[in-house]
Amino acid sequence: MLNTIDLFSGCGGLSLGFQNEGYNIIAAYDNWEPAIKVYEKNFSHKIEKADLASSIVHDSISKHRPDIIIGGPPCQDFSGAGLRDETLGRASLTMSFAEIILKSRPKFFVMENVCRVTNTNVFKEIVTKFKMAGYGLSSHKLDASYCGVPQARKRFFLVGHLSGNDGFLDSIIPKLLSKEKMSIYDYLGDSLGVEYYFRIPRSYTRRAIFSIYEPSVTIRGVERPIPKGYKRHPGDLVEVGPKVRTLTILERSYIQTFPKTFCFDGTKSDLNQMIGNAVPVNMAALIGKAIKIYNQTLNAPESR
């Protein structure tokens, strides 16, 4: 059982996924009080409110001597929904994540982010630092709908193994992916009580009405009601009507594969943000399972 620390944990999507795969989460760190309160309601281990850019915090984390550090540094400055400007400040937290890894030197680390992060200067810099520190790197751009998640959400994972070879998960992760995309119906059946739902598009050049028989669109950190007088887009599957509605906060958490037993408490805007920012639980579990399989091969006795 690998002792694990979760950085930028939010409400706990990564933590829960890894915990479900048997990892021992010994501590989590975040700096946003609403997410910390939700995390505390759902996990028995400690979560600390901390500025992860602080060198004092870096020293404190290293004293835990974790076997693996996982985390998703804030991605707003890289995201397609953001300004895509890594000079705005949050990109520095990606560097802070790297500095914590280099200070603590865990056997493994996992960094999750949007796929666009690989095009940034900060990403190229941290890869160089990891390589100089002796980490083998395995990078993977994944669609959550192939990872047991009923959602078309694309995310990037950089996994490091101290003294390992590059691409060490390349032969494992593809075997864990499903052959077909998972739809909402595949995961939730007809429990939503509707076949179609409305999600406000980023622009009205895109459709807004979707079916439960396809993967959900990406769960975002904001949600709005159906605008009055909405005019049907050519791509919409049906007209707006009594059988079309938006998804509730809890329904969106289910699509992020949080279990129904997971306790969410807070304002509507805070809950929308923390659920939208979370790593889907089953997607996190798939990465955890891949590392576990790989680690078992490292510890297996050599055949005679």
Protein backbone atom coordinates (compact mmCIF):
# COMPACT_ATOMS: atom_id res chain seq x y z
CA MET A 1 0.00 0.00 0.00
CA LEU A 2 1.59 3.25 -1.15
CA ASN A 3 1.40 6.24 1.20
CA THR A 4 -0.10 9.05 -0.87
CA ILE A 5 -0.41 12.84 -0.64
CA ASP A 6 -2.91 14.76 -2.76
CA LEU A 7 -2.00 18.35 -3.69
CA PHE A 8 -4.57 20.87 -4.95
CA SER A 9 -7.04 18.21 -3.85
CA GLY A 10 -10.25 20.21 -4.26
CA CYS A 11 -13.19 18.18 -3.00
CA GLY A 12 -11.35 14.89 -3.55
CA GLY A 13 -11.84 13.30 -6.98
CA LEU A 14 -8.22 12.15 -7.26
CA SER A 15 -8.10 11.12 -3.61
CA LEU A 16 -11.22 8.99 -3.85
CA GLY A 17 -10.14 7.32 -7.07
CA PHE A 18 -6.76 6.35 -5.64
CA GLN A 19 -8.27 5.37 -2.30
CA ASN A 20 -10.68 3.08 -4.14
CA GLU A 21 -7.64 1.37 -5.68
CA GLY A 22 -6.12 0.68 -2.27
CA TYR A 23 -3.74 3.63 -1.89
CA ASN A 24 -3.26 4.96 1.63
CA ILE A 25 -4.01 8.69 1.48
CA ILE A 26 -2.11 10.17 4.42
CA ALA A 27 -2.74 13.88 3.77
CA ALA A 28 -4.27 16.35 1.34
CA TYR A 29 -3.61 20.04 0.74
CA ASP A 30 -5.73 22.79 -0.76
CA ASN A 31 -6.25 26.52 -0.26
CA TRP A 32 -9.97 26.92 -1.00
CA GLU A 33 -12.13 26.69 2.13
CA PRO A 34 -15.41 25.50 0.51
CA ALA A 35 -13.66 22.50 -1.10
CA ILE A 36 -11.75 21.75 2.10
CA LYS A 37 -15.01 21.56 4.08
CA VAL A 38 -16.49 19.09 1.60
CA TYR A 39 -13.27 17.04 1.61
CA GLU A 40 -13.34 16.85 5.42
CA LYS A 41 -16.88 15.47 5.34
CA ASN A 42 -15.87 12.56 3.11
CA PHE A 43 -12.41 11.42 4.22
CA SER A 44 -10.94 10.39 7.56
CA HIS A 45 -7.40 11.58 6.86
CA LYS A 46 -6.25 15.15 7.34
CA ILE A 47 -6.57 17.94 4.79
CA GLU A 48 -4.57 21.11 5.41
CA LYS A 49 -5.40 24.60 4.20
CA ALA A 50 -2.11 25.77 2.75
CA ASP A 51 -0.49 28.00 0.17
CA LEU A 52 1.27 25.42 -1.98
CA ALA A 53 3.59 28.10 -3.36
CA SER A 54 5.19 28.42 0.09
CA SER A 55 8.61 26.83 0.61
CA ILE A 56 7.68 26.27 4.28
CA VAL A 57 4.74 24.13 3.12
CA HIS A 58 7.05 22.28 0.73
CA ASP A 59 9.28 21.36 3.68
CA SER A 60 6.27 20.19 5.69
CA ILE A 61 5.07 17.93 2.87
CA SER A 62 8.50 16.36 2.40
CA LYS A 63 8.55 15.33 6.08
CA HIS A 64 5.68 12.92 5.38
CA ARG A 65 8.04 10.94 3.10
CA PRO A 66 5.21 9.94 0.73
CA ASP A 67 5.58 7.06 -1.71
CA ILE A 68 3.46 8.91 -4.27
CA ILE A 69 2.26 12.48 -4.70
CA ILE A 70 -0.80 13.14 -6.85
CA GLY A 71 -2.40 16.42 -7.83
CA GLY A 72 -4.01 18.65 -10.38
CA PRO A 73 -2.50 22.16 -10.27
CA PRO A 74 -5.07 24.83 -11.25
CA CYS A 75 -5.55 24.77 -15.01
CA GLN A 76 -7.52 27.97 -15.68
CA ASP A 77 -4.62 29.67 -17.43
CA PHE A 78 -4.24 26.73 -19.81
CA SER A 79 -7.89 25.77 -20.27
CA GLY A 80 -9.93 26.29 -23.42
CA ALA A 81 -12.52 27.89 -21.14
CA GLY A 82 -9.91 30.28 -19.73
CA LEU A 83 -7.70 32.99 -21.13
CA ARG A 84 -4.89 30.58 -22.11
CA ASP A 85 -2.29 32.94 -20.65
CA GLU A 86 0.32 31.28 -18.45
CA THR A 87 1.61 34.67 -17.27
CA LEU A 88 -1.49 35.32 -15.14
CA GLY A 89 -0.12 33.59 -12.05
CA ARG A 90 -1.77 30.19 -11.67
CA ALA A 91 0.81 28.60 -13.99
CA SER A 92 3.32 29.23 -11.19
CA LEU A 93 1.42 26.64 -9.12
CA THR A 94 2.32 24.03 -11.72
CA MET A 95 5.95 24.91 -11.01
CA SER A 96 5.20 24.70 -7.27
CA PHE A 97 3.87 21.17 -7.81
CA ALA A 98 7.14 20.26 -9.52
CA GLU A 99 9.20 21.85 -6.74
CA ILE A 100 7.35 19.78 -4.14
CA ILE A 101 8.11 16.60 -6.10
CA LEU A 102 11.78 17.52 -6.36
CA LYS A 103 11.90 18.30 -2.63
CA SER A 104 10.08 15.16 -1.47
CA ARG A 105 11.39 12.75 -4.15
CA PRO A 106 8.50 10.26 -3.95
CA LYS A 107 8.79 6.97 -5.81
CA PHE A 108 5.89 8.05 -8.06
CA PHE A 109 3.98 11.21 -8.88
CA VAL A 110 0.86 11.97 -10.93
CA MET A 111 0.08 15.40 -12.37
CA GLU A 112 -3.33 15.94 -13.99
CA ASN A 113 -4.20 18.89 -16.20
CA VAL A 114 -5.91 19.95 -19.41
CA CYS A 115 -4.32 18.58 -22.58
CA ARG A 116 -3.22 22.05 -23.68
CA VAL A 117 -0.71 22.24 -20.82
CA THR A 118 1.79 20.27 -22.94
CA ASN A 119 2.14 23.30 -25.26
CA THR A 120 3.21 25.67 -22.47
CA ASN A 121 6.63 26.88 -21.46
CA VAL A 122 6.09 25.92 -17.82
CA PHE A 123 5.37 22.32 -18.81
CA LYS A 124 8.54 22.08 -20.87
CA GLU A 125 10.49 23.49 -17.94
CA ILE A 126 9.13 21.06 -15.37
CA VAL A 127 9.72 18.08 -17.69
CA THR A 128 13.37 19.11 -17.91
CA LYS A 129 13.56 19.37 -14.11
CA PHE A 130 11.96 15.96 -13.62
CA LYS A 131 14.34 14.34 -16.09
CA MET A 132 17.37 15.93 -14.43
CA ALA A 133 16.12 14.61 -11.07
CA GLY A 134 16.05 11.05 -12.41
CA TYR A 135 12.35 10.52 -13.10
CA GLY A 136 11.14 8.37 -15.96
CA LEU A 137 8.03 9.99 -17.41
CA SER A 138 4.89 8.45 -18.86
CA SER A 139 2.46 10.93 -20.46
CA HIS A 140 -1.13 10.18 -21.47
CA LYS A 141 -3.93 12.18 -23.05
CA LEU A 142 -7.16 10.38 -22.18
CA ASP A 143 -10.86 10.72 -22.91
CA ALA A 144 -12.80 10.05 -19.69
CA SER A 145 -15.57 8.26 -21.59
CA TYR A 146 -13.13 5.37 -22.16
CA CYS A 147 -12.18 5.37 -18.46
CA GLY A 148 -15.48 4.33 -16.90
CA VAL A 149 -16.82 7.89 -16.88
CA PRO A 150 -20.01 8.86 -18.80
CA GLN A 151 -18.46 12.10 -20.00
CA ALA A 152 -16.48 13.32 -23.01
CA ARG A 153 -13.77 14.98 -20.92
CA LYS A 154 -10.21 15.01 -22.23
CA ARG A 155 -7.42 15.27 -19.70
CA PHE A 156 -3.63 14.91 -19.59
CA PHE A 157 -1.75 12.84 -17.03
CA LEU A 158 1.99 13.01 -16.46
CA VAL A 159 3.17 10.11 -14.30
CA GLY A 160 6.71 9.94 -12.97
CA HIS A 161 8.71 7.00 -11.58
CA LEU A 162 11.98 7.72 -9.82
CA SER A 163 14.78 5.88 -11.69
CA GLY A 164 12.20 4.48 -14.11
CA ASN A 165 12.12 4.43 -17.90
CA ASP A 166 10.11 6.83 -20.02
CA GLY A 167 6.76 5.45 -21.20
CA PHE A 168 6.58 2.91 -18.37
CA LEU A 169 2.76 2.86 -18.46
CA ASP A 170 2.45 2.79 -22.26
CA SER A 171 1.65 -0.93 -22.39
CA ILE A 172 -0.65 -0.91 -19.34
CA ILE A 173 -3.07 1.98 -19.72
CA PRO A 174 -4.43 0.99 -23.18
CA LYS A 175 -5.43 -2.41 -21.76
CA LEU A 176 -7.49 -0.71 -19.04
CA LEU A 177 -9.47 1.52 -21.42
CA SER A 178 -12.91 0.42 -22.57
CA LYS A 179 -13.46 -0.30 -26.24
CA GLU A 180 -16.59 1.89 -26.39
CA LYS A 181 -17.41 5.31 -25.01
CA MET A 182 -19.61 5.24 -21.92
CA SER A 183 -22.93 7.06 -22.18
CA ILE A 184 -24.93 8.57 -19.34
CA TYR A 185 -27.46 5.78 -19.82
CA ASP A 186 -24.72 3.14 -19.54
CA TYR A 187 -23.77 4.53 -16.14
CA LEU A 188 -27.00 5.88 -14.66
CA GLY A 189 -29.69 4.04 -16.63
CA ASP A 190 -32.96 5.95 -16.75
CA SER A 191 -32.57 7.29 -13.18
CA LEU A 192 -32.51 10.91 -14.41
CA GLY A 193 -36.10 10.59 -15.57
CA VAL A 194 -35.38 12.37 -18.85
CA GLU A 195 -33.81 11.36 -22.14
CA TYR A 196 -32.59 14.84 -23.07
CA TYR A 197 -30.93 17.62 -21.11
CA PHE A 198 -29.85 21.21 -21.75
CA ARG A 199 -26.34 22.53 -21.20
CA ILE A 200 -25.68 26.18 -21.98
CA PRO A 201 -23.06 26.28 -24.78
CA ARG A 202 -20.00 28.53 -24.74
CA SER A 203 -21.37 30.09 -27.91
CA TYR A 204 -24.64 29.69 -29.77
CA THR A 205 -22.79 28.29 -32.76
CA ARG A 206 -22.94 25.01 -30.80
CA ARG A 207 -25.86 22.81 -29.88
CA ALA A 208 -27.24 22.85 -26.33
CA ILE A 209 -29.55 19.83 -26.10
CA PHE A 210 -27.99 16.41 -25.59
CA SER A 211 -29.11 12.83 -25.12
CA ILE A 212 -28.45 10.47 -22.20
CA TYR A 213 -27.56 7.85 -24.83
CA GLU A 214 -24.23 9.59 -25.48
CA PRO A 215 -21.42 10.65 -23.14
CA SER A 216 -22.12 13.86 -21.28
CA VAL A 217 -20.42 17.00 -22.48
CA THR A 218 -17.61 18.15 -20.18
CA ILE A 219 -18.91 19.11 -16.76
CA ARG A 220 -17.85 22.72 -16.23
CA GLY A 221 -17.61 24.86 -13.12
CA VAL A 222 -20.66 26.94 -14.02
CA GLU A 223 -24.20 26.06 -14.98
CA ARG A 224 -27.10 28.25 -16.09
CA PRO A 225 -30.83 27.70 -16.62
CA ILE A 226 -32.39 27.42 -20.06
CA PRO A 227 -32.61 31.00 -21.41
CA LYS A 228 -36.10 32.30 -22.12
CA GLY A 229 -36.79 32.31 -25.81
CA TYR A 230 -33.98 29.91 -26.63
CA LYS A 231 -34.05 29.12 -30.35
CA ARG A 232 -33.30 25.58 -31.42
CA HIS A 233 -29.83 25.00 -32.87
CA PRO A 234 -29.66 22.76 -35.98
CA GLY A 235 -27.67 20.26 -33.95
CA ASP A 236 -30.15 20.06 -31.06
CA LEU A 237 -31.79 16.67 -30.86
CA VAL A 238 -35.23 17.96 -29.82
CA GLU A 239 -37.02 21.23 -29.13
CA VAL A 240 -36.86 22.81 -25.69
CA GLY A 241 -39.93 21.62 -23.82
CA PRO A 242 -41.18 20.06 -20.58
CA LYS A 243 -39.14 16.90 -21.23
CA VAL A 244 -35.86 18.85 -21.45
CA ARG A 245 -34.16 20.33 -18.38
CA THR A 246 -30.73 21.16 -17.04
CA LEU A 247 -28.94 18.66 -14.81
CA THR A 248 -28.88 19.25 -11.07
CA ILE A 249 -25.69 19.75 -9.08
CA LEU A 250 -25.84 16.21 -7.70
CA GLU A 251 -26.52 14.74 -11.14
CA ARG A 252 -23.40 16.46 -12.43
CA SER A 253 -21.44 14.98 -9.53
CA TYR A 254 -22.68 11.50 -10.53
CA ILE A 255 -21.44 12.14 -14.08
CA GLN A 256 -18.07 12.97 -12.50
CA THR A 257 -18.49 9.47 -10.95
CA PHE A 258 -18.71 10.65 -7.36
CA PRO A 259 -20.86 8.09 -5.53
CA LYS A 260 -24.31 8.99 -4.26
CA THR A 261 -22.95 8.57 -0.73
CA PHE A 262 -20.48 11.44 -1.25
CA CYS A 263 -21.61 14.42 0.83
CA PHE A 264 -21.68 17.80 -0.91
CA ASP A 265 -22.47 20.88 1.16
CA GLY A 266 -22.10 24.55 0.23
CA THR A 267 -23.45 27.29 -2.00
CA LYS A 268 -24.64 26.46 -5.50
CA SER A 269 -21.82 28.42 -7.15
CA ASP A 270 -19.14 26.81 -4.94
CA LEU A 271 -20.47 23.30 -5.53
CA ASN A 272 -20.66 23.84 -9.28
CA GLN A 273 -17.06 25.03 -9.31
CA MET A 274 -15.61 22.23 -7.18
CA ILE A 275 -17.51 19.50 -9.06
CA GLY A 276 -16.51 20.96 -12.43
CA ASN A 277 -12.87 21.24 -11.36
CA ALA A 278 -12.67 17.72 -9.95
CA VAL A 279 -10.88 14.83 -11.60
CA PRO A 280 -13.55 12.20 -12.35
CA VAL A 281 -13.24 9.53 -9.66
CA ASN A 282 -13.19 6.57 -12.05
CA MET A 283 -10.62 8.27 -14.28
CA ALA A 284 -8.37 8.77 -11.26
CA ALA A 285 -8.90 5.14 -10.28
CA LEU A 286 -7.79 3.95 -13.72
CA ILE A 287 -4.48 5.82 -13.36
CA GLY A 288 -4.09 4.43 -9.85
CA LYS A 289 -4.74 0.91 -11.10
CA ALA A 290 -2.17 1.28 -13.89
CA ILE A 291 0.52 2.40 -11.43
CA LYS A 292 -0.41 -0.44 -9.06
CA ILE A 293 -0.05 -3.02 -11.85
CA TYR A 294 3.30 -1.53 -12.86
CA ASN A 295 4.54 -1.41 -9.26
CA GLN A 296 3.62 -5.07 -8.78
CA THR A 297 5.80 -5.99 -11.75
CA LEU A 298 8.70 -4.13 -10.13
CA ASN A 299 8.28 -6.07 -6.90
CA ALA A 300 7.58 -9.46 -8.48
CA PRO A 301 10.32 -12.07 -7.94
CA GLU A 302 12.35 -12.82 -11.04
CA SER A 303 11.33 -16.07 -12.75
CA ARG A 304 13.97 -18.78 -12.78
